[in-house]
Protein backbone atom coordinates (compact mmCIF):
# COMPACT_ATOMS: atom_id res chain seq x y z
CA UNK A 1 -4.80 36.79 -5.81
CA UNK A 2 -8.26 35.65 -4.69
CA UNK A 3 -9.14 32.03 -3.89
CA UNK A 4 -12.62 32.35 -5.41
CA UNK A 5 -11.09 33.36 -8.78
CA UNK A 6 -8.84 30.28 -8.76
CA UNK A 7 -11.82 28.02 -7.93
CA UNK A 8 -13.77 29.62 -10.80
CA UNK A 9 -10.94 29.10 -13.30
CA UNK A 10 -10.30 25.51 -12.20
CA UNK A 11 -14.04 24.78 -12.37
CA UNK A 12 -13.98 25.94 -15.99
CA UNK A 13 -11.05 23.68 -16.85
CA UNK A 14 -8.30 26.32 -17.01
CA UNK A 15 -4.70 25.54 -16.11
CA UNK A 16 -3.39 27.22 -12.96
CA UNK A 17 0.19 28.40 -12.58
CA UNK A 18 2.62 26.94 -10.04
CA UNK A 19 2.36 30.20 -8.05
CA UNK A 20 -1.44 29.98 -7.93
CA UNK A 21 -1.36 26.38 -6.73
CA UNK A 22 1.26 27.32 -4.13
CA UNK A 23 -1.08 30.10 -2.94
CA UNK A 24 -3.92 27.60 -2.32
CA UNK A 25 -1.69 25.04 -0.58
CA UNK A 26 0.06 27.59 1.65
CA UNK A 27 -3.19 29.37 2.45
CA UNK A 28 -4.93 26.17 3.51
CA UNK A 29 -1.95 24.86 5.49
CA UNK A 30 -1.58 28.04 7.55
CA UNK A 31 -5.33 28.53 8.01
CA UNK A 32 -5.83 31.59 5.78
CA UNK A 33 -8.12 29.74 3.34
CA UNK A 34 -11.16 28.03 4.94
CA UNK A 35 -12.30 24.44 4.47
CA UNK A 36 -15.32 25.38 2.38
CA UNK A 37 -13.23 27.10 -0.30
CA UNK A 38 -10.64 24.31 -0.49
CA UNK A 39 -13.52 21.78 -0.65
CA UNK A 40 -14.83 23.67 -3.69
CA UNK A 41 -11.32 23.72 -5.18
CA UNK A 42 -10.93 19.93 -4.69
CA UNK A 43 -14.30 19.27 -6.32
CA UNK A 44 -13.31 21.51 -9.24
CA UNK A 45 -10.12 19.43 -9.64
CA UNK A 46 -12.17 16.22 -9.35
CA UNK A 47 -14.35 17.19 -12.34
CA UNK A 48 -11.91 19.24 -14.44
CA UNK A 49 -8.69 17.31 -13.77
CA UNK A 50 -5.18 18.75 -13.77
CA UNK A 51 -2.41 18.99 -16.34
CA UNK A 52 0.91 17.25 -15.71
CA UNK A 53 2.44 20.65 -14.88
CA UNK A 54 -0.29 21.36 -12.33
CA UNK A 55 0.14 17.95 -10.68
CA UNK A 56 3.90 18.49 -10.40
CA UNK A 57 3.33 21.97 -8.92
CA UNK A 58 0.80 20.60 -6.41
CA UNK A 59 3.18 17.80 -5.42
CA UNK A 60 6.08 20.18 -4.94
CA UNK A 61 3.97 22.63 -2.90
CA UNK A 62 2.77 19.87 -0.55
CA UNK A 63 6.25 18.35 -0.31
CA UNK A 64 7.71 21.74 0.70
CA UNK A 65 4.93 22.49 3.21
CA UNK A 66 6.94 20.82 5.98
CA UNK A 67 10.36 19.41 6.80
CA UNK A 68 12.40 17.78 4.04
CA UNK A 69 14.14 14.81 5.63
CA UNK A 70 17.83 14.83 4.73
CA UNK A 71 19.24 11.31 4.35
CA UNK A 72 22.42 12.38 2.55
CA UNK A 73 24.52 11.38 5.56
CA UNK A 74 23.51 7.73 5.12
CA UNK A 75 25.68 5.89 2.58
CA UNK A 76 23.94 4.11 -0.29
CA UNK A 77 21.08 4.70 -2.70
CA UNK A 78 17.70 5.29 -0.99
CA UNK A 79 14.79 3.48 -2.62
CA UNK A 80 11.23 3.24 -1.28
CA UNK A 81 8.35 1.08 -2.46
CA UNK A 82 4.70 2.13 -2.44
CA UNK A 83 1.48 0.24 -3.15
CA UNK A 84 -1.80 1.98 -3.92
CA UNK A 85 -3.55 -0.56 -1.69
CA UNK A 86 -5.23 -3.90 -2.05
CA UNK A 87 -6.70 -6.86 -0.19
CA UNK A 88 -4.10 -9.19 1.31
CA UNK A 89 -1.32 -6.94 0.00
CA UNK A 90 1.57 -7.45 2.38
CA UNK A 91 4.33 -7.11 -0.24
CA UNK A 92 6.05 -4.19 1.55
CA UNK A 93 6.90 -6.48 4.46
CA UNK A 94 8.54 -8.95 2.07
CA UNK A 95 10.12 -6.92 -0.74
CA UNK A 96 11.67 -4.31 1.57
CA UNK A 97 13.63 -6.72 3.82
CA UNK A 98 14.84 -8.62 0.74
CA UNK A 99 16.00 -5.40 -0.94
CA UNK A 100 17.64 -4.17 2.28
CA UNK A 101 19.44 -7.51 2.66
CA UNK A 102 20.80 -6.95 -0.86
CA UNK A 103 22.23 -3.56 0.14
CA UNK A 104 19.42 -1.11 -0.70
CA UNK A 105 18.69 1.64 1.85
CA UNK A 106 14.90 1.51 2.27
CA UNK A 107 13.22 4.43 4.11
CA UNK A 108 9.63 3.17 4.24
CA UNK A 109 6.95 5.80 4.93
CA UNK A 110 3.80 3.73 5.23
CA UNK A 111 0.07 4.29 5.68
CA UNK A 112 -2.90 2.85 7.53
CA UNK A 113 -5.95 0.96 6.35
CA UNK A 114 -9.05 2.88 5.32
CA UNK A 115 -12.10 1.02 4.05
CA UNK A 116 -11.52 -2.45 2.60
CA UNK A 117 -7.78 -2.11 1.81
CA UNK A 118 -5.08 -3.01 4.32
CA UNK A 119 -2.40 -0.71 5.75
CA UNK A 120 1.26 -1.57 6.32
CA UNK A 121 1.39 0.26 9.68
CA UNK A 122 -1.59 -1.70 11.00
CA UNK A 123 0.01 -5.00 10.03
CA UNK A 124 3.28 -4.02 11.73
CA UNK A 125 1.49 -2.82 14.87
CA UNK A 126 -0.15 -6.24 15.25
CA UNK A 127 3.36 -7.31 16.35
CA UNK A 128 3.38 -6.67 20.12
CA UNK A 129 5.57 -3.69 21.01
CA UNK A 130 6.36 -2.65 17.42
CA UNK A 131 6.77 1.15 17.18
CA UNK A 132 5.95 3.05 14.00
CA UNK A 133 6.15 6.50 15.65
CA UNK A 134 9.92 6.87 15.30
CA UNK A 135 11.37 10.36 15.48
CA UNK A 136 13.25 11.54 12.40
CA UNK A 137 16.54 11.05 14.26
CA UNK A 138 15.58 7.48 15.23
CA UNK A 139 14.53 6.88 11.62
CA UNK A 140 17.95 8.00 10.34
CA UNK A 141 19.83 5.99 12.98
CA UNK A 142 17.96 2.80 12.12
CA UNK A 143 18.56 3.27 8.40
CA UNK A 144 22.25 3.65 9.17
CA UNK A 145 22.31 0.44 11.22
CA UNK A 146 19.87 -1.79 9.36
CA UNK A 147 19.22 -0.11 5.96
CA UNK A 148 15.46 -0.45 6.59
CA UNK A 149 13.01 1.42 8.80
CA UNK A 150 9.21 1.68 8.82
CA UNK A 151 7.60 4.96 9.86
CA UNK A 152 4.21 6.62 9.56
CA UNK A 153 3.66 10.10 8.18
CA UNK A 154 4.86 12.54 10.84
CA UNK A 155 3.38 16.02 11.44
CA UNK A 156 6.62 17.49 10.07
CA UNK A 157 6.51 15.68 6.70
CA UNK A 158 4.17 17.13 4.05
CA UNK A 159 1.60 18.52 6.53
CA UNK A 160 -0.41 20.01 3.65
CA UNK A 161 -1.05 16.50 2.37
CA UNK A 162 -2.35 15.39 5.76
CA UNK A 163 -4.83 18.27 5.88
CA UNK A 164 -5.89 17.89 2.25
CA UNK A 165 -6.33 14.11 2.54
CA UNK A 166 -8.65 14.49 5.53
CA UNK A 167 -10.71 17.01 3.57
CA UNK A 168 -10.76 14.80 0.45
CA UNK A 169 -12.02 11.94 2.59
CA UNK A 170 -14.87 14.12 3.89
CA UNK A 171 -15.82 15.61 0.49
CA UNK A 172 -15.89 12.48 -1.75
CA UNK A 173 -12.86 13.60 -3.78
CA UNK A 174 -10.48 10.81 -2.77
CA UNK A 175 -10.75 9.10 -6.17
CA UNK A 176 -9.33 12.03 -8.19
CA UNK A 177 -6.28 10.65 -10.03
CA UNK A 178 -4.29 13.95 -9.92
CA UNK A 179 -4.97 14.29 -6.18
CA UNK A 180 -3.98 10.65 -5.53
CA UNK A 181 -0.73 11.06 -7.49
CA UNK A 182 0.30 14.30 -5.76
CA UNK A 183 -0.61 12.92 -2.31
CA UNK A 184 1.53 9.80 -2.71
CA UNK A 185 4.49 11.52 -4.33
CA UNK A 186 4.62 14.51 -1.95
CA UNK A 187 5.10 12.18 1.05
CA UNK A 188 7.65 10.01 -0.70
CA UNK A 189 9.75 12.83 -2.15
CA UNK A 190 9.88 14.68 1.18
CA UNK A 191 12.07 11.89 2.55
CA UNK A 192 15.29 12.21 0.56
CA UNK A 193 14.62 9.37 -1.88
CA UNK A 194 16.78 8.66 -4.91
CA UNK A 195 14.32 6.23 -6.48
CA UNK A 196 10.86 4.76 -6.00
CA UNK A 197 9.10 1.56 -7.07
CA UNK A 198 5.31 1.81 -7.34
CA UNK A 199 2.81 -1.03 -7.27
CA UNK A 200 -0.41 0.32 -8.79
CA UNK A 201 -3.21 -2.15 -8.11
CA UNK A 202 -6.20 -2.55 -10.44
CA UNK A 203 -9.36 -4.64 -10.09
CA UNK A 204 -12.23 -5.31 -7.73
CA UNK A 205 -10.11 -5.09 -4.56
CA UNK A 206 -8.15 -2.02 -5.67
CA UNK A 207 -8.71 1.68 -5.51
CA UNK A 208 -8.56 1.79 -9.34
CA UNK A 209 -11.14 -0.50 -10.94
CA UNK A 210 -10.11 0.10 -14.59
CA UNK A 211 -6.69 -0.54 -16.10
CA UNK A 212 -6.84 2.72 -18.07
CA UNK A 213 -7.15 4.65 -14.80
CA UNK A 214 -4.36 2.67 -13.15
CA UNK A 215 -2.15 3.39 -16.16
CA UNK A 216 -2.92 7.13 -15.98
CA UNK A 217 -2.07 7.19 -12.26
CA UNK A 218 1.17 5.29 -12.85
CA UNK A 219 2.18 7.61 -15.70
CA UNK A 220 1.44 10.70 -13.61
CA UNK A 221 3.55 9.48 -10.67
CA UNK A 222 6.45 8.35 -12.88
CA UNK A 223 6.33 11.73 -14.62
CA UNK A 224 6.39 13.63 -11.32
CA UNK A 225 9.44 11.66 -10.24
CA UNK A 226 11.22 12.20 -13.54
CA UNK A 227 10.63 15.97 -13.40
CA UNK A 228 12.17 15.96 -9.91
CA UNK A 229 15.16 13.96 -11.13
CA UNK A 230 14.19 10.72 -9.37
CA UNK A 231 14.23 7.23 -10.86
CA UNK A 232 10.70 5.83 -10.73
CA UNK A 233 9.18 2.62 -12.07
CA UNK A 234 5.60 1.42 -11.69
CA UNK A 235 4.10 -2.03 -11.98
CA UNK A 236 0.37 -2.30 -12.70
CA UNK A 237 -0.75 -5.47 -10.94
CA UNK A 238 -3.97 -7.47 -10.72
CA UNK A 239 -6.16 -7.11 -7.62
CA UNK A 240 -9.27 -9.02 -8.70
CA UNK A 241 -8.64 -11.68 -6.07
CA UNK A 242 -6.83 -11.26 -2.72
CA UNK A 243 -3.04 -11.50 -2.84
CA UNK A 244 -1.89 -14.63 -1.07
CA UNK A 245 -4.32 -16.45 1.22
CA UNK A 246 -4.37 -14.29 4.37
CA UNK A 247 -6.44 -11.10 4.81
CA UNK A 248 -6.18 -9.39 8.22
CA UNK A 249 -3.30 -7.88 10.13
CA UNK A 250 -1.73 -10.58 12.35
CA UNK A 251 -2.80 -13.25 9.83
CA UNK A 252 -0.85 -11.41 7.14
CA UNK A 253 2.25 -11.13 9.34
CA UNK A 254 2.12 -14.93 9.66
CA UNK A 255 2.01 -15.24 5.86
CA UNK A 256 4.88 -12.76 5.54
CA UNK A 257 6.99 -14.99 7.79
CA UNK A 258 6.15 -18.05 5.69
CA UNK A 259 6.95 -16.20 2.47
CA UNK A 260 10.28 -14.88 3.73
CA UNK A 261 11.15 -18.51 4.53
CA UNK A 262 10.30 -19.45 0.91
CA UNK A 263 7.12 -21.27 1.93
CA UNK A 264 4.57 -18.65 0.92
CA UNK A 265 1.89 -18.49 -1.79
CA UNK A 266 3.15 -18.42 -5.37
CA UNK A 267 1.42 -15.14 -6.34
CA UNK A 268 2.63 -13.25 -3.27
CA UNK A 269 6.18 -14.59 -3.65
CA UNK A 270 6.33 -13.71 -7.33
CA UNK A 271 5.22 -10.09 -7.03
CA UNK A 272 7.30 -9.48 -3.88
CA UNK A 273 10.43 -10.74 -5.61
CA UNK A 274 9.75 -8.59 -8.70
CA UNK A 275 9.25 -5.48 -6.56
CA UNK A 276 12.45 -6.25 -4.60
CA UNK A 277 14.35 -6.78 -7.86
CA UNK A 278 13.19 -3.40 -9.20
CA UNK A 279 14.35 -1.76 -5.95
CA UNK A 280 17.75 -3.46 -6.25
CA UNK A 281 18.07 -2.43 -9.90
CA UNK A 282 17.11 1.22 -9.28
CA UNK A 283 19.64 1.28 -6.42
CA UNK A 284 22.30 0.37 -9.03
CA UNK A 285 23.44 -2.64 -7.03
CA UNK A 286 23.27 -4.72 -10.21
CA UNK A 287 23.81 -3.67 -13.81
CA UNK A 288 20.75 -5.44 -15.21
CA UNK A 289 17.24 -6.21 -14.02
CA UNK A 290 17.81 -9.94 -14.57
CA UNK A 291 20.82 -9.82 -12.24
CA UNK A 292 18.65 -7.98 -9.70
CA UNK A 293 16.03 -10.75 -9.96
CA UNK A 294 18.72 -13.38 -9.29
CA UNK A 295 19.99 -11.42 -6.27
CA UNK A 296 16.48 -11.00 -4.83
CA UNK A 297 15.86 -14.73 -5.26
CA UNK A 298 19.17 -15.51 -3.54
CA UNK A 299 18.31 -13.26 -0.58
CA UNK A 300 14.99 -15.06 -0.23
CA UNK A 301 16.52 -18.54 -0.43
CA UNK A 302 19.38 -17.91 2.01
CA UNK A 303 16.87 -16.41 4.51
CA UNK A 304 18.77 -13.12 4.75
CA UNK A 305 15.55 -11.22 3.98
CA UNK A 306 13.86 -13.13 6.82
CA UNK A 307 16.70 -12.29 9.21
CA UNK A 308 16.62 -8.64 8.11
CA UNK A 309 12.92 -8.38 8.98
CA UNK A 310 13.65 -9.91 12.41
CA UNK A 311 16.38 -7.33 13.02
CA UNK A 312 14.02 -4.48 12.11
CA UNK A 313 11.24 -5.83 14.35
CA UNK A 314 13.66 -5.91 17.28
CA UNK A 315 15.05 -2.45 16.46
CA UNK A 316 11.54 -0.96 16.48
CA UNK A 317 10.54 -2.47 19.84
CA UNK A 318 8.81 -5.64 18.71
CA UNK A 319 9.45 -9.28 19.54
CA UNK A 320 11.17 -10.97 16.55
CA UNK A 321 10.15 -14.39 17.90
CA UNK A 322 6.64 -13.77 16.49
CA UNK A 323 7.96 -14.87 13.09
CA UNK A 324 8.67 -18.33 14.55
CA UNK A 325 5.91 -18.58 17.16
CA UNK A 326 2.58 -17.36 15.81
CA UNK A 327 0.98 -17.83 19.24
CA UNK A 328 2.85 -14.65 20.29
CA UNK A 329 0.75 -12.66 17.81
CA UNK A 330 -2.87 -11.66 18.51
CA UNK A 331 -5.02 -14.72 17.80
CA UNK A 332 -8.75 -14.98 17.09
CA UNK A 333 -11.03 -16.80 19.52
CA UNK A 334 -13.31 -18.35 16.91
CA UNK A 335 -13.40 -19.49 13.29
CA UNK A 336 -16.29 -19.99 10.89
CA UNK A 337 -15.90 -22.18 7.83
CA UNK A 338 -17.48 -21.14 4.54
CA UNK A 339 -18.08 -24.12 2.27
CA UNK A 340 -19.67 -24.71 -1.12
CA UNK A 341 -22.64 -26.87 -2.02
CA UNK A 342 -21.43 -27.54 -5.56
CA UNK A 343 -18.27 -28.58 -7.30
CA UNK A 344 -16.47 -27.04 -10.27
CA UNK A 345 -13.71 -24.53 -10.81
CA UNK A 346 -13.14 -21.29 -8.89
CA UNK A 347 -13.65 -18.68 -11.62
CA UNK A 348 -13.49 -15.58 -9.43
CA UNK A 349 -12.93 -14.35 -5.87
CA UNK A 350 -14.16 -10.77 -5.45
CA UNK A 351 -11.36 -9.15 -3.47
CA UNK A 352 -13.46 -6.14 -2.50
CA UNK A 353 -16.12 -8.33 -0.86
CA UNK A 354 -13.45 -10.28 1.05
CA UNK A 355 -11.89 -6.98 2.15
CA UNK A 356 -15.26 -5.56 3.21
CA UNK A 357 -16.09 -8.68 5.20
CA UNK A 358 -12.72 -8.62 6.93
CA UNK A 359 -13.14 -4.93 7.72
CA UNK A 360 -16.69 -5.53 9.00
CA UNK A 361 -15.45 -7.90 11.73
CA UNK A 362 -12.74 -5.45 12.83
CA UNK A 363 -9.69 -5.89 10.55
CA UNK A 364 -10.14 -2.49 8.88
CA UNK A 365 -11.62 0.93 9.54
CA UNK A 366 -14.23 3.12 7.89
CA UNK A 367 -12.93 6.33 9.46
CA UNK A 368 -9.45 7.24 10.64
CA UNK A 369 -10.71 7.22 14.23
CA UNK A 370 -11.86 3.57 14.18
CA UNK A 371 -9.79 1.05 16.12
CA UNK A 372 -8.61 -2.22 14.58
CA UNK A 373 -8.74 -5.77 15.94
CA UNK A 374 -5.37 -7.19 14.83
CA UNK A 375 -6.40 -10.83 15.35
CA UNK A 376 -9.32 -11.09 12.94
CA UNK A 377 -9.60 -11.69 9.22
CA UNK A 378 -10.14 -14.24 6.48
CA UNK A 379 -7.91 -17.07 5.27
CA UNK A 380 -8.70 -18.45 1.82
CA UNK A 381 -8.45 -22.18 1.18
CA UNK A 382 -8.72 -21.86 -2.61
CA UNK A 383 -7.59 -19.54 -5.41
CA UNK A 384 -8.95 -18.77 -8.87
CA UNK A 385 -8.46 -21.78 -11.16
CA UNK A 386 -8.60 -24.40 -8.40
CA UNK A 387 -10.90 -27.41 -8.94
CA UNK A 388 -13.20 -28.11 -5.98
CA UNK A 389 -15.74 -30.72 -4.94
CA UNK A 390 -19.16 -30.12 -3.38
CA UNK A 391 -18.69 -29.55 0.35
CA UNK A 392 -15.18 -28.08 -0.05
CA UNK A 393 -14.16 -25.33 2.36
CA UNK A 394 -13.65 -22.05 0.49
CA UNK A 395 -12.25 -20.03 3.42
CA UNK A 396 -12.33 -19.51 7.16
CA UNK A 397 -13.37 -16.33 8.94
CA UNK A 398 -11.34 -15.74 12.12
CA UNK A 399 -13.21 -13.59 14.64
CA UNK A 400 -13.18 -12.43 18.27
CA UNK A 401 -16.83 -11.36 18.39
CA UNK A 402 -20.14 -12.51 16.92
CA UNK A 403 -20.98 -8.92 15.97
CA UNK A 404 -21.47 -8.52 12.18
CA UNK A 405 -20.30 -12.10 11.69
CA UNK A 406 -23.40 -13.31 9.82
CA UNK A 407 -23.29 -10.31 7.47
CA UNK A 408 -19.58 -10.84 6.89
CA UNK A 409 -20.16 -14.53 6.14
CA UNK A 410 -22.81 -13.60 3.55
CA UNK A 411 -20.39 -11.22 1.84
CA UNK A 412 -17.63 -13.83 1.78
CA UNK A 413 -19.96 -16.45 0.34
CA UNK A 414 -20.98 -14.04 -2.43
CA UNK A 415 -17.32 -13.38 -3.27
CA UNK A 416 -16.69 -16.87 -4.68
CA UNK A 417 -17.74 -17.64 -8.26
CA UNK A 418 -17.79 -21.25 -9.43
CA UNK A 419 -17.80 -22.40 -13.05
CA UNK A 420 -18.23 -25.82 -14.57
CA UNK A 421 -15.34 -25.18 -16.95
CA UNK A 422 -11.63 -24.50 -16.30
CA UNK A 423 -10.68 -20.80 -16.35
CA UNK A 424 -7.60 -19.18 -17.83
CA UNK A 425 -5.04 -17.88 -15.36
CA UNK A 426 -4.88 -14.08 -15.31
CA UNK A 427 -1.51 -12.34 -15.46
CA UNK A 428 -0.40 -10.95 -12.12
CA UNK A 429 1.81 -8.17 -13.53
CA UNK A 430 -0.18 -6.46 -16.28
CA UNK A 431 2.10 -3.58 -17.31
CA UNK A 432 5.32 -1.79 -16.46
CA UNK A 433 5.43 2.03 -16.65
CA UNK A 434 8.86 3.65 -16.51
């Protein structure tokens, strides 16, 4: 079997066998196939696509490239939740504690921010002392004690995905739907899951800009899970404006605390509860989805989700008091108000521009090597549909340096669209794929 022949066939749109895909993955992981050939292979996939069978084979090959984490010794159904990334998307820090408080075992393998979208690990690490580099044994022990643990991708879990993702990032092939699906699912399925809830974002602030592409990605991932005998459901959700009001790592932790105390934004609360309910339902804790929604709501209202998150913060080395005293979190040293010169109705808030501005002042990274300033970000004062007067404050930019601040302010100002007529509210949950 020769790599060049497989590149040629994939370039011409042919379907590769599971053995041929395994050959490429194994060869690249162990160093037998060089970067330049795998780069050509990825570009061939980018333009020619992959069949469902090929995507499943690629996922399985990457999943089996490292250690499969055995969680069978932990009682209960294991359900994870994954978001494809958005601006202000802190739902994992809300839905997971609620689900765990309801009895779901939640092994959360999370990622970092890249570009304008936020990363769960970065938000958690804005909590002083919080460790995301748990060993597999520590991960299992915490799941046994608390039913919830947050961990980053370790070198042992799906190492082929780590190598391939870095190469995709460097070769402009990140956006390939088959490669996205196999990357996400290989990491998730390597960690002994029974079920998975997916939040596939679509819109200006999302990775997928078109609903048809988000649907295809959701269908691919649900299909991969089904073929591996896992229960998977996907929500396709709107990301045309930031989720909630806070964008930026410590700022989002503050909003998580408010939401877990039932004092958060309506859109963030709604989608977090629906994701938690789906996790509870797939864990078979309730017989119906409606009963799961009632249980998720109850765990929010009685603050057991809030207490669960505090327990996990303490277990992973952080100070749980940050959820009550925001001064214990990293705080910005300055704030700039962005106001409007005219009144009307907010007809749009471009989430991508808000995310780019936040990233520009240090809340995100453009390469994996960039460091993050956990204190900075943007807090919106309005949402789409709100009526405003001339001179109203649209948002505040929280910063620790003047560097790039003017450029970020220009981006933020451009993000807000104002109409003279009321606008219809857009649905938050657009589709369910199961």
